Amino acid sequence: MDEIVKVADVFEARQRIRREVVRTPLLSPEALGKRLGAGVWLKLENFQRTGAFKFRGALNCVLKLVGTRAGADLRLVTASSGNHALGMSLAGKIAGAKVTVVMPERAPMVKQQKARAYGAHVVLHGACYDDAQLHARCLAAEAGAVYVPSFNHPDIMAGQGTIALEVLEDLPEPGLVVFPIGGGGLAAGMAVVLRALVPRARLVGVQAEGAASMKVSLEQGRLVELPSVDTVADGIAVRRPGELTFSVLQRLLDDVVVVSDREILEAMGVLIEASVVVEPAGAAAVAALLADKVGANQGECVIAVVTGGNVDAALLREVVRAL
């Protein structure tokens, strides 16, 4: 079977998006390293444009689409719990395409406001990402627009994989790389690069306890749709992972672990104390390390991907009060 995403696709994506994306920092907060007993480095995608990694994949996909037609004639529809909506909104603005984003009714207000500020038309529908996705596909079909998946697309995965290229330029031989998983686009794109270029590295995904659809799917060897999701980490609250991302991760991932909402919120607090403000999904990888879910070895070079910082103000106040 042909590979869904190749390392060459990721290098091409990097060249395509390089003028617009931020090369995010890779930092090792001293307090966090001492607490974990390992050399822990944070890839801070909360400093990416739009405040999250999703801009990379969205821009790669939109720019490839624009290459096939005039941007002004390109109408795009997508669904997102929030961060992909922001990525698509800004990508559409850059490319001159019209973008409609469908978000769950309870999507954080900060993400709704940012998407509108980038010029997108925002539609609120459903209780979770999966509900929004079904509605977005219907809207795209009715309008004759192009539907752009949030994660289940080779160009989305290739764009997210550019994070791994940056990591390896700074630290060529990581021993353990930990990243959050919702639908699996980030994990799949990074895993393609890391497994090819650093085959001995351990690759571990992290899901919220109340939305562990990829973990259940991998354990059962087939795609599984959860009846519902319930987690504070809206950015990784997906009932059903993508069939393409599942196929990639089934082949390349070492493990998937789960963290509770309490562990996620505690990790947010630890990161805030290290002057890193993140949203719940963005703290998932650090939560897994702090809760000793991934078995980091003493002295091992560990990379944790902090995926986004678009945190709701009310939740942020709650976390700060709990410090």
C-alpha atoms as a PDB file:
ATOM      1  CA  MET A   1       0.000   0.000   0.000  1.00  0.00           C
ATOM      2  CA  ASP A   2       1.296   3.481  -0.858  1.00  0.00           C
ATOM      3  CA  GLU A   3       2.278   5.654   2.072  1.00  0.00           C
ATOM      4  CA  ILE A   4      -0.360   8.222   2.951  1.00  0.00           C
ATOM      5  CA  VAL A   5       2.228  10.865   3.819  1.00  0.00           C
ATOM      6  CA  LYS A   6       5.932  10.716   2.983  1.00  0.00           C
ATOM      7  CA  VAL A   7       8.823  12.614   4.543  1.00  0.00           C
ATOM      8  CA  ALA A   8       9.259  14.337   1.177  1.00  0.00           C
ATOM      9  CA  ASP A   9       5.695  15.685   1.493  1.00  0.00           C
ATOM     10  CA  VAL A  10       6.617  17.281   4.814  1.00  0.00           C
ATOM     11  CA  PHE A  11       9.720  18.936   3.361  1.00  0.00           C
ATOM     12  CA  GLU A  12       7.597  20.268   0.493  1.00  0.00           C
ATOM     13  CA  ALA A  13       5.045  21.572   2.982  1.00  0.00           C
ATOM     14  CA  ARG A  14       7.750  23.370   4.895  1.00  0.00           C
ATOM     15  CA  GLN A  15       8.923  25.127   1.757  1.00  0.00           C
ATOM     16  CA  ARG A  16       5.349  26.040   0.849  1.00  0.00           C
ATOM     17  CA  ILE A  17       4.432  27.601   4.219  1.00  0.00           C
ATOM     18  CA  ARG A  18       7.791  28.952   5.345  1.00  0.00           C
ATOM     19  CA  ARG A  19       7.050  32.626   4.638  1.00  0.00           C
ATOM     20  CA  GLU A  20       3.998  32.679   6.902  1.00  0.00           C
ATOM     21  CA  VAL A  21       4.576  30.276   9.810  1.00  0.00           C
ATOM     22  CA  VAL A  22       6.595  31.032  12.914  1.00  0.00           C
ATOM     23  CA  ARG A  23       9.540  28.802  13.750  1.00  0.00           C
ATOM     24  CA  THR A  24       8.446  28.159  17.312  1.00  0.00           C
ATOM     25  CA  PRO A  25      10.894  27.905  20.228  1.00  0.00           C
ATOM     26  CA  LEU A  26      12.122  24.707  21.830  1.00  0.00           C
ATOM     27  CA  LEU A  27      12.791  25.469  25.499  1.00  0.00           C
ATOM     28  CA  SER A  28      13.727  23.504  28.602  1.00  0.00           C
ATOM     29  CA  PRO A  29      12.272  25.153  31.724  1.00  0.00           C
ATOM     30  CA  GLU A  30      14.656  24.321  34.553  1.00  0.00           C
ATOM     31  CA  ALA A  31      11.935  23.837  37.154  1.00  0.00           C
ATOM     32  CA  LEU A  32      10.066  21.365  34.975  1.00  0.00           C
ATOM     33  CA  GLY A  33      13.192  19.336  34.232  1.00  0.00           C
ATOM     34  CA  LYS A  34      14.048  19.079  37.917  1.00  0.00           C
ATOM     35  CA  ARG A  35      10.523  17.969  38.753  1.00  0.00           C
ATOM     36  CA  LEU A  36      10.525  15.235  36.106  1.00  0.00           C
ATOM     37  CA  GLY A  37      14.107  14.112  36.550  1.00  0.00           C
ATOM     38  CA  ALA A  38      14.789  14.205  32.815  1.00  0.00           C
ATOM     39  CA  GLY A  39      15.952  16.625  30.152  1.00  0.00           C
ATOM     40  CA  VAL A  40      12.512  17.825  29.094  1.00  0.00           C
ATOM     41  CA  TRP A  41      12.143  20.206  26.166  1.00  0.00           C
ATOM     42  CA  LEU A  42       8.896  21.936  25.242  1.00  0.00           C
ATOM     43  CA  LYS A  43       8.067  22.633  21.596  1.00  0.00           C
ATOM     44  CA  LEU A  44       5.957  25.744  22.114  1.00  0.00           C
ATOM     45  CA  GLU A  45       3.353  25.837  19.369  1.00  0.00           C
ATOM     46  CA  ASN A  46       1.313  28.193  21.543  1.00  0.00           C
ATOM     47  CA  PHE A  47       3.638  30.827  20.027  1.00  0.00           C
ATOM     48  CA  GLN A  48       2.553  29.919  16.495  1.00  0.00           C
ATOM     49  CA  ARG A  49       0.404  32.358  14.544  1.00  0.00           C
ATOM     50  CA  THR A  50      -3.243  31.923  15.624  1.00  0.00           C
ATOM     51  CA  GLY A  51      -1.886  30.556  18.917  1.00  0.00           C
ATOM     52  CA  ALA A  52      -1.754  26.909  17.841  1.00  0.00           C
ATOM     53  CA  PHE A  53      -0.021  24.389  15.562  1.00  0.00           C
ATOM     54  CA  LYS A  54      -3.111  23.986  13.388  1.00  0.00           C
ATOM     55  CA  PHE A  55      -2.104  26.951  11.210  1.00  0.00           C
ATOM     56  CA  ARG A  56       0.669  24.852   9.652  1.00  0.00           C
ATOM     57  CA  GLY A  57      -1.566  22.145   8.206  1.00  0.00           C
ATOM     58  CA  ALA A  58      -4.360  24.523   7.279  1.00  0.00           C
ATOM     59  CA  LEU A  59      -2.028  26.832   5.358  1.00  0.00           C
ATOM     60  CA  ASN A  60      -0.349  23.942   3.543  1.00  0.00           C
ATOM     61  CA  CYS A  61      -3.713  22.579   2.445  1.00  0.00           C
ATOM     62  CA  VAL A  62      -5.161  25.960   1.419  1.00  0.00           C
ATOM     63  CA  LEU A  63      -2.090  27.002  -0.565  1.00  0.00           C
ATOM     64  CA  LYS A  64      -2.152  23.707  -2.476  1.00  0.00           C
ATOM     65  CA  LEU A  65      -5.836  24.245  -3.262  1.00  0.00           C
ATOM     66  CA  VAL A  66      -5.210  27.833  -4.380  1.00  0.00           C
ATOM     67  CA  GLY A  67      -2.620  26.486  -6.778  1.00  0.00           C
ATOM     68  CA  THR A  68      -5.439  24.775  -8.672  1.00  0.00           C
ATOM     69  CA  ARG A  69      -7.687  27.847  -9.055  1.00  0.00           C
ATOM     70  CA  ALA A  70      -7.925  31.566  -8.392  1.00  0.00           C
ATOM     71  CA  GLY A  71      -8.098  32.292  -4.665  1.00  0.00           C
ATOM     72  CA  ALA A  72     -11.065  34.613  -5.068  1.00  0.00           C
ATOM     73  CA  ASP A  73     -13.047  31.763  -6.604  1.00  0.00           C
ATOM     74  CA  LEU A  74     -12.170  29.370  -3.796  1.00  0.00           C
ATOM     75  CA  ARG A  75     -14.871  28.806  -1.171  1.00  0.00           C
ATOM     76  CA  LEU A  76     -13.817  26.647   1.762  1.00  0.00           C
ATOM     77  CA  VAL A  77     -15.800  25.060   4.573  1.00  0.00           C
ATOM     78  CA  THR A  78     -14.319  23.339   7.585  1.00  0.00           C
ATOM     79  CA  ALA A  79     -15.243  22.090  11.043  1.00  0.00           C
ATOM     80  CA  SER A  80     -13.198  22.592  14.152  1.00  0.00           C
ATOM     81  CA  SER A  81     -13.317  22.636  17.915  1.00  0.00           C
ATOM     82  CA  GLY A  82     -11.466  25.919  17.531  1.00  0.00           C
ATOM     83  CA  ASN A  83      -7.798  25.931  16.578  1.00  0.00           C
ATOM     84  CA  HIS A  84      -8.186  24.489  13.069  1.00  0.00           C
ATOM     85  CA  ALA A  85     -10.890  27.116  12.537  1.00  0.00           C
ATOM     86  CA  LEU A  86      -8.339  29.794  13.370  1.00  0.00           C
ATOM     87  CA  GLY A  87      -5.741  28.221  11.107  1.00  0.00           C
ATOM     88  CA  MET A  88      -8.190  27.996   8.211  1.00  0.00           C
ATOM     89  CA  SER A  89      -9.448  31.533   8.820  1.00  0.00           C
ATOM     90  CA  LEU A  90      -5.977  33.054   8.628  1.00  0.00           C
ATOM     91  CA  ALA A  91      -4.930  30.785   5.754  1.00  0.00           C
ATOM     92  CA  GLY A  92      -8.015  31.856   3.811  1.00  0.00           C
ATOM     93  CA  LYS A  93      -7.241  35.510   4.491  1.00  0.00           C
ATOM     94  CA  ILE A  94      -3.677  35.059   3.218  1.00  0.00           C
ATOM     95  CA  ALA A  95      -4.833  33.183   0.109  1.00  0.00           C
ATOM     96  CA  GLY A  96      -7.820  35.414  -0.609  1.00  0.00           C
ATOM     97  CA  ALA A  97     -10.302  32.554  -0.214  1.00  0.00           C
ATOM     98  CA  LYS A  98     -13.698  32.707   1.480  1.00  0.00           C
ATOM     99  CA  VAL A  99     -13.844  30.500   4.580  1.00  0.00           C
ATOM    100  CA  THR A 100     -16.795  29.232   6.608  1.00  0.00           C
ATOM    101  CA  VAL A 101     -15.984  27.450   9.854  1.00  0.00           C
ATOM    102  CA  VAL A 102     -18.435  25.349  11.850  1.00  0.00           C
ATOM    103  CA  MET A 103     -17.642  25.100  15.547  1.00  0.00           C
ATOM    104  CA  PRO A 104     -19.425  23.339  18.420  1.00  0.00           C
ATOM    105  CA  GLU A 105     -21.885  25.545  20.257  1.00  0.00           C
ATOM    106  CA  ARG A 106     -19.677  25.511  23.353  1.00  0.00           C
ATOM    107  CA  ALA A 107     -16.449  26.343  21.528  1.00  0.00           C
ATOM    108  CA  PRO A 108     -14.368  28.735  23.650  1.00  0.00           C
ATOM    109  CA  MET A 109     -15.352  32.329  22.996  1.00  0.00           C
ATOM    110  CA  VAL A 110     -11.731  33.330  22.452  1.00  0.00           C
ATOM    111  CA  LYS A 111     -11.564  30.964  19.466  1.00  0.00           C
ATOM    112  CA  GLN A 112     -14.870  32.157  18.020  1.00  0.00           C
ATOM    113  CA  GLN A 113     -13.791  35.788  18.262  1.00  0.00           C
ATOM    114  CA  LYS A 114     -10.393  35.167  16.688  1.00  0.00           C
ATOM    115  CA  ALA A 115     -11.895  33.272  13.742  1.00  0.00           C
ATOM    116  CA  ARG A 116     -14.259  36.170  13.024  1.00  0.00           C
ATOM    117  CA  ALA A 117     -11.397  38.648  13.366  1.00  0.00           C
ATOM    118  CA  TYR A 118      -9.508  36.784  10.628  1.00  0.00           C
ATOM    119  CA  GLY A 119     -12.523  37.233   8.364  1.00  0.00           C
ATOM    120  CA  ALA A 120     -14.197  33.826   8.501  1.00  0.00           C
ATOM    121  CA  HIS A 121     -17.921  33.237   8.647  1.00  0.00           C
ATOM    122  CA  VAL A 122     -18.521  31.324  11.894  1.00  0.00           C
ATOM    123  CA  VAL A 123     -21.406  28.889  12.332  1.00  0.00           C
ATOM    124  CA  LEU A 124     -22.079  27.273  15.718  1.00  0.00           C
ATOM    125  CA  HIS A 125     -23.593  23.805  15.598  1.00  0.00           C
ATOM    126  CA  GLY A 126     -23.726  20.719  17.804  1.00  0.00           C
ATOM    127  CA  ALA A 127     -22.289  19.591  21.093  1.00  0.00           C
ATOM    128  CA  CYS A 128     -18.842  18.493  19.896  1.00  0.00           C
ATOM    129  CA  TYR A 129     -16.455  18.474  16.947  1.00  0.00           C
ATOM    130  CA  ASP A 130     -18.077  15.457  15.311  1.00  0.00           C
ATOM    131  CA  ASP A 131     -21.481  17.162  15.251  1.00  0.00           C
ATOM    132  CA  ALA A 132     -19.925  20.269  13.725  1.00  0.00           C
ATOM    133  CA  GLN A 133     -18.161  18.167  11.106  1.00  0.00           C
ATOM    134  CA  LEU A 134     -21.373  16.554   9.847  1.00  0.00           C
ATOM    135  CA  HIS A 135     -23.011  19.963   9.533  1.00  0.00           C
ATOM    136  CA  ALA A 136     -19.982  21.452   7.776  1.00  0.00           C
ATOM    137  CA  ARG A 137     -19.978  18.689   5.170  1.00  0.00           C
ATOM    138  CA  CYS A 138     -23.653  19.368   4.466  1.00  0.00           C
ATOM    139  CA  LEU A 139     -23.012  23.102   4.119  1.00  0.00           C
ATOM    140  CA  ALA A 140     -20.114  22.474   1.727  1.00  0.00           C
ATOM    141  CA  ALA A 141     -22.211  20.154  -0.441  1.00  0.00           C
ATOM    142  CA  GLU A 142     -25.110  22.625  -0.563  1.00  0.00           C
ATOM    143  CA  ALA A 143     -22.858  25.559  -1.487  1.00  0.00           C
ATOM    144  CA  GLY A 144     -20.605  23.708  -3.914  1.00  0.00           C
ATOM    145  CA  ALA A 145     -17.653  24.603  -1.693  1.00  0.00           C
ATOM    146  CA  VAL A 146     -14.532  22.596  -0.859  1.00  0.00           C
ATOM    147  CA  TYR A 147     -14.636  20.841   2.503  1.00  0.00           C
ATOM    148  CA  VAL A 148     -11.259  20.858   4.264  1.00  0.00           C
ATOM    149  CA  PRO A 149     -10.862  18.227   7.021  1.00  0.00           C
ATOM    150  CA  SER A 150      -9.434  19.207  10.368  1.00  0.00           C
ATOM    151  CA  PHE A 151      -6.986  16.309  10.516  1.00  0.00           C
ATOM    152  CA  ASN A 152      -7.896  13.483   8.135  1.00  0.00           C
ATOM    153  CA  HIS A 153      -6.060  14.730   5.040  1.00  0.00           C
ATOM    154  CA  PRO A 154      -2.489  14.136   3.758  1.00  0.00           C
ATOM    155  CA  ASP A 155      -1.802  17.852   3.259  1.00  0.00           C
ATOM    156  CA  ILE A 156      -2.970  18.647   6.790  1.00  0.00           C
ATOM    157  CA  MET A 157      -0.734  15.916   8.215  1.00  0.00           C
ATOM    158  CA  ALA A 158       2.246  17.047   6.127  1.00  0.00           C
ATOM    159  CA  GLY A 159       1.880  20.610   7.384  1.00  0.00           C
ATOM    160  CA  GLN A 160       1.779  19.476  11.013  1.00  0.00           C
ATOM    161  CA  GLY A 161       4.821  17.293  10.389  1.00  0.00           C
ATOM    162  CA  THR A 162       6.930  20.401   9.855  1.00  0.00           C
ATOM    163  CA  ILE A 163       7.033  20.700  13.649  1.00  0.00           C
ATOM    164  CA  ALA A 164       9.173  17.558  13.749  1.00  0.00           C
ATOM    165  CA  LEU A 165      11.620  18.978  11.209  1.00  0.00           C
ATOM    166  CA  GLU A 166      12.161  22.005  13.445  1.00  0.00           C
ATOM    167  CA  VAL A 167      12.587  19.818  16.521  1.00  0.00           C
ATOM    168  CA  LEU A 168      15.269  17.688  14.858  1.00  0.00           C
ATOM    169  CA  GLU A 169      17.206  20.752  13.730  1.00  0.00           C
ATOM    170  CA  ASP A 170      17.510  21.793  17.374  1.00  0.00           C
ATOM    171  CA  LEU A 171      17.814  18.328  18.963  1.00  0.00           C
ATOM    172  CA  PRO A 172      18.826  15.704  16.387  1.00  0.00           C
ATOM    173  CA  GLU A 173      18.441  12.653  18.635  1.00  0.00           C
ATOM    174  CA  PRO A 174      15.455  12.815  21.003  1.00  0.00           C
ATOM    175  CA  GLY A 175      14.834   9.681  23.031  1.00  0.00           C
ATOM    176  CA  LEU A 176      11.124  10.261  23.643  1.00  0.00           C
ATOM    177  CA  VAL A 177       8.606  12.497  21.875  1.00  0.00           C
ATOM    178  CA  VAL A 178       5.180  13.036  23.443  1.00  0.00           C
ATOM    179  CA  PHE A 179       2.277  14.779  21.701  1.00  0.00           C
ATOM    180  CA  PRO A 180      -1.470  15.192  22.230  1.00  0.00           C
ATOM    181  CA  ILE A 181      -3.889  13.307  19.972  1.00  0.00           C
ATOM    182  CA  GLY A 182      -7.398  14.375  19.019  1.00  0.00           C
ATOM    183  CA  GLY A 183      -8.114  13.266  15.480  1.00  0.00           C
ATOM    184  CA  GLY A 184      -4.456  12.413  14.941  1.00  0.00           C
ATOM    185  CA  GLY A 185      -3.206  14.898  12.326  1.00  0.00           C
ATOM    186  CA  LEU A 186      -0.365  16.284  14.432  1.00  0.00           C
ATOM    187  CA  ALA A 187       0.701  12.870  15.709  1.00  0.00           C
ATOM    188  CA  ALA A 188       0.603  11.310  12.236  1.00  0.00           C
ATOM    189  CA  GLY A 189       2.573  14.090  10.561  1.00  0.00           C
ATOM    190  CA  MET A 190       5.242  14.138  13.261  1.00  0.00           C
ATOM    191  CA  ALA A 191       5.438  10.342  13.447  1.00  0.00           C
ATOM    192  CA  VAL A 192       6.144  10.072   9.710  1.00  0.00           C
ATOM    193  CA  VAL A 193       9.174  12.336  10.094  1.00  0.00           C
ATOM    194  CA  LEU A 194      10.449  11.018  13.410  1.00  0.00           C
ATOM    195  CA  ARG A 195      10.122   7.334  12.594  1.00  0.00           C
ATOM    196  CA  ALA A 196      12.036   7.840   9.341  1.00  0.00           C
ATOM    197  CA  LEU A 197      14.787  10.107  10.648  1.00  0.00           C
ATOM    198  CA  VAL A 198      15.116   8.984  14.290  1.00  0.00           C
ATOM    199  CA  PRO A 199      13.864   5.374  14.197  1.00  0.00           C
ATOM    200  CA  ARG A 200      14.940   4.560  17.762  1.00  0.00           C
ATOM    201  CA  ALA A 201      12.960   7.380  19.356  1.00  0.00           C
ATOM    202  CA  ARG A 202       9.856   6.395  21.318  1.00  0.00           C
ATOM    203  CA  LEU A 203       6.708   8.103  20.067  1.00  0.00           C
ATOM    204  CA  VAL A 204       3.850   8.386  22.551  1.00  0.00           C
ATOM    205  CA  GLY A 205       0.467  10.005  22.015  1.00  0.00           C
ATOM    206  CA  VAL A 206      -1.691  11.422  24.796  1.00  0.00           C
ATOM    207  CA  GLN A 207      -5.478  11.569  24.903  1.00  0.00           C
ATOM    208  CA  ALA A 208      -7.932  12.921  27.406  1.00  0.00           C
ATOM    209  CA  GLU A 209      -9.568  10.227  29.516  1.00  0.00           C
ATOM    210  CA  GLY A 210     -13.008  11.376  28.385  1.00  0.00           C
ATOM    211  CA  ALA A 211     -12.145  11.382  24.676  1.00  0.00           C
ATOM    212  CA  ALA A 212      -9.780   8.468  24.070  1.00  0.00           C
ATOM    213  CA  SER A 213     -11.095   7.483  20.632  1.00  0.00           C
ATOM    214  CA  MET A 214      -7.685   6.863  19.046  1.00  0.00           C
ATOM    215  CA  LYS A 215      -6.475   4.732  21.954  1.00  0.00           C
ATOM    216  CA  VAL A 216      -9.613   2.580  21.844  1.00  0.00           C
ATOM    217  CA  SER A 217      -9.366   2.287  18.063  1.00  0.00           C
ATOM    218  CA  LEU A 218      -5.725   1.212  18.173  1.00  0.00           C
ATOM    219  CA  GLU A 219      -6.424  -1.324  20.920  1.00  0.00           C
ATOM    220  CA  GLN A 220      -9.275  -2.853  18.913  1.00  0.00           C
ATOM    221  CA  GLY A 221      -7.463  -2.641  15.584  1.00  0.00           C
ATOM    222  CA  ARG A 222     -10.306  -0.766  13.912  1.00  0.00           C
ATOM    223  CA  LEU A 223     -11.876   2.677  13.904  1.00  0.00           C
ATOM    224  CA  VAL A 224     -14.144   3.123  16.899  1.00  0.00           C
ATOM    225  CA  GLU A 225     -16.579   5.978  17.408  1.00  0.00           C
ATOM    226  CA  LEU A 226     -17.248   6.833  21.031  1.00  0.00           C
ATOM    227  CA  PRO A 227     -20.887   7.485  21.973  1.00  0.00           C
ATOM    228  CA  SER A 228     -19.861  10.803  23.538  1.00  0.00           C
ATOM    229  CA  VAL A 229     -16.858  12.799  24.728  1.00  0.00           C
ATOM    230  CA  ASP A 230     -16.473  14.648  28.013  1.00  0.00           C
ATOM    231  CA  THR A 231     -13.291  16.560  28.750  1.00  0.00           C
ATOM    232  CA  VAL A 232     -12.038  20.029  29.574  1.00  0.00           C
ATOM    233  CA  ALA A 233      -9.593  19.639  26.658  1.00  0.00           C
ATOM    234  CA  ASP A 234     -11.868  20.786  23.829  1.00  0.00           C
ATOM    235  CA  GLY A 235      -8.983  20.783  21.350  1.00  0.00           C
ATOM    236  CA  ILE A 236      -8.657  16.983  21.465  1.00  0.00           C
ATOM    237  CA  ALA A 237     -12.303  16.075  22.098  1.00  0.00           C
ATOM    238  CA  VAL A 238     -13.008  13.860  19.062  1.00  0.00           C
ATOM    239  CA  ARG A 239     -15.466  10.951  19.077  1.00  0.00           C
ATOM    240  CA  ARG A 240     -13.992   9.259  15.998  1.00  0.00           C
ATOM    241  CA  PRO A 241     -10.424   9.585  14.703  1.00  0.00           C
ATOM    242  CA  GLY A 242      -9.653   9.814  10.996  1.00  0.00           C
ATOM    243  CA  GLU A 243      -9.206   6.654   8.959  1.00  0.00           C
ATOM    244  CA  LEU A 244      -6.018   8.063   7.401  1.00  0.00           C
ATOM    245  CA  THR A 245      -4.497   9.214  10.674  1.00  0.00           C
ATOM    246  CA  PHE A 246      -5.463   5.906  12.273  1.00  0.00           C
ATOM    247  CA  SER A 247      -3.695   4.006   9.512  1.00  0.00           C
ATOM    248  CA  VAL A 248      -0.501   6.023   9.959  1.00  0.00           C
ATOM    249  CA  LEU A 249      -0.445   5.818  13.741  1.00  0.00           C
ATOM    250  CA  GLN A 250      -1.297   2.118  13.799  1.00  0.00           C
ATOM    251  CA  ARG A 251       1.967   1.576  11.943  1.00  0.00           C
ATOM    252  CA  LEU A 252       4.254   4.147  13.563  1.00  0.00           C
ATOM    253  CA  LEU A 253       3.212   4.921  17.132  1.00  0.00           C
ATOM    254  CA  ASP A 254       4.698   3.164  20.160  1.00  0.00           C
ATOM    255  CA  ASP A 255       1.895   3.877  22.607  1.00  0.00           C
ATOM    256  CA  VAL A 256      -1.089   6.046  23.512  1.00  0.00           C
ATOM    257  CA  VAL A 257      -1.760   6.969  27.129  1.00  0.00           C
ATOM    258  CA  VAL A 258      -4.649   8.823  28.729  1.00  0.00           C
ATOM    259  CA  VAL A 259      -4.724  11.641  31.267  1.00  0.00           C
ATOM    260  CA  SER A 260      -7.579  12.871  33.412  1.00  0.00           C
ATOM    261  CA  ASP A 261      -8.968  16.382  33.367  1.00  0.00           C
ATOM    262  CA  ARG A 262      -7.498  16.897  36.835  1.00  0.00           C
ATOM    263  CA  GLU A 263      -4.033  15.950  35.536  1.00  0.00           C
ATOM    264  CA  ILE A 264      -4.459  18.282  32.559  1.00  0.00           C
ATOM    265  CA  LEU A 265      -5.436  21.225  34.767  1.00  0.00           C
ATOM    266  CA  GLU A 266      -2.549  20.515  37.135  1.00  0.00           C
ATOM    267  CA  ALA A 267      -0.171  20.522  34.167  1.00  0.00           C
ATOM    268  CA  MET A 268      -1.595  23.853  33.044  1.00  0.00           C
ATOM    269  CA  GLY A 269      -0.782  25.207  36.491  1.00  0.00           C
ATOM    270  CA  VAL A 270       2.782  23.878  36.383  1.00  0.00           C
ATOM    271  CA  LEU A 271       3.287  25.421  32.957  1.00  0.00           C
ATOM    272  CA  ILE A 272       1.874  28.758  34.096  1.00  0.00           C
ATOM    273  CA  GLU A 273       4.400  28.749  36.935  1.00  0.00           C
ATOM    274  CA  ALA A 274       7.060  28.281  34.225  1.00  0.00           C
ATOM    275  CA  SER A 275       5.598  31.329  32.392  1.00  0.00           C
ATOM    276  CA  VAL A 276       3.966  29.200  29.671  1.00  0.00           C
ATOM    277  CA  VAL A 277       0.233  29.877  29.209  1.00  0.00           C
ATOM    278  CA  VAL A 278      -1.564  27.016  27.464  1.00  0.00           C
ATOM    279  CA  GLU A 279      -5.047  25.697  26.821  1.00  0.00           C
ATOM    280  CA  PRO A 280      -6.035  22.281  28.241  1.00  0.00           C
ATOM    281  CA  ALA A 281      -5.268  20.293  25.067  1.00  0.00           C
ATOM    282  CA  GLY A 282      -1.921  22.057  24.860  1.00  0.00           C
ATOM    283  CA  ALA A 283      -0.973  20.779  28.315  1.00  0.00           C
ATOM    284  CA  ALA A 284      -1.821  17.116  27.650  1.00  0.00           C
ATOM    285  CA  ALA A 285       1.702  15.951  26.814  1.00  0.00           C
ATOM    286  CA  VAL A 286       3.148  17.625  29.894  1.00  0.00           C
ATOM    287  CA  ALA A 287       0.319  16.146  31.987  1.00  0.00           C
ATOM    288  CA  ALA A 288       1.336  12.654  30.865  1.00  0.00           C
ATOM    289  CA  LEU A 289       4.947  13.313  31.874  1.00  0.00           C
ATOM    290  CA  LEU A 290       4.041  14.786  35.252  1.00  0.00           C
ATOM    291  CA  ALA A 291       1.723  11.855  36.005  1.00  0.00           C
ATOM    292  CA  ASP A 292       4.481   9.398  34.987  1.00  0.00           C
ATOM    293  CA  LYS A 293       2.310   7.854  32.276  1.00  0.00           C
ATOM    294  CA  VAL A 294       5.054   7.508  29.637  1.00  0.00           C
ATOM    295  CA  GLY A 295       8.036   6.161  31.572  1.00  0.00           C
ATOM    296  CA  ALA A 296      10.629   8.844  30.791  1.00  0.00           C
ATOM    297  CA  ASN A 297      14.079   7.578  31.732  1.00  0.00           C
ATOM    298  CA  GLN A 298      16.567   9.482  33.881  1.00  0.00           C
ATOM    299  CA  GLY A 299      18.721  11.684  31.662  1.00  0.00           C
ATOM    300  CA  GLU A 300      16.680  10.919  28.545  1.00  0.00           C
ATOM    301  CA  CYS A 301      16.113  13.697  26.036  1.00  0.00           C
ATOM    302  CA  VAL A 302      12.328  14.220  26.082  1.00  0.00           C
ATOM    303  CA  ILE A 303      10.287  16.430  23.763  1.00  0.00           C
ATOM    304  CA  ALA A 304       6.758  17.432  24.757  1.00  0.00           C
ATOM    305  CA  VAL A 305       4.689  19.295  22.186  1.00  0.00           C
ATOM    306  CA  VAL A 306       2.671  22.153  23.666  1.00  0.00           C
ATOM    307  CA  THR A 307       0.066  22.499  20.949  1.00  0.00           C
ATOM    308  CA  GLY A 308      -1.846  25.682  21.708  1.00  0.00           C
ATOM    309  CA  GLY A 309      -2.459  28.615  24.004  1.00  0.00           C
ATOM    310  CA  ASN A 310      -5.984  29.742  23.168  1.00  0.00           C
ATOM    311  CA  VAL A 311      -7.356  29.297  26.650  1.00  0.00           C
ATOM    312  CA  ASP A 312     -10.691  30.651  27.776  1.00  0.00           C
ATOM    313  CA  ALA A 313     -10.188  33.533  30.227  1.00  0.00           C
ATOM    314  CA  ALA A 314     -12.568  32.103  32.840  1.00  0.00           C
ATOM    315  CA  LEU A 315     -10.781  28.741  32.866  1.00  0.00           C
ATOM    316  CA  LEU A 316      -7.414  30.443  33.062  1.00  0.00           C
ATOM    317  CA  ARG A 317      -8.539  32.374  36.141  1.00  0.00           C
ATOM    318  CA  GLU A 318      -9.659  29.137  37.784  1.00  0.00           C
ATOM    319  CA  VAL A 319      -6.282  27.500  37.153  1.00  0.00           C
ATOM    320  CA  VAL A 320      -4.378  30.520  38.469  1.00  0.00           C
ATOM    321  CA  ARG A 321      -6.520  30.641  41.618  1.00  0.00           C
ATOM    322  CA  ALA A 322      -5.707  26.987  42.277  1.00  0.00           C
ATOM    323  CA  LEU A 323      -1.921  27.606  42.224  1.00  0.00           C
END
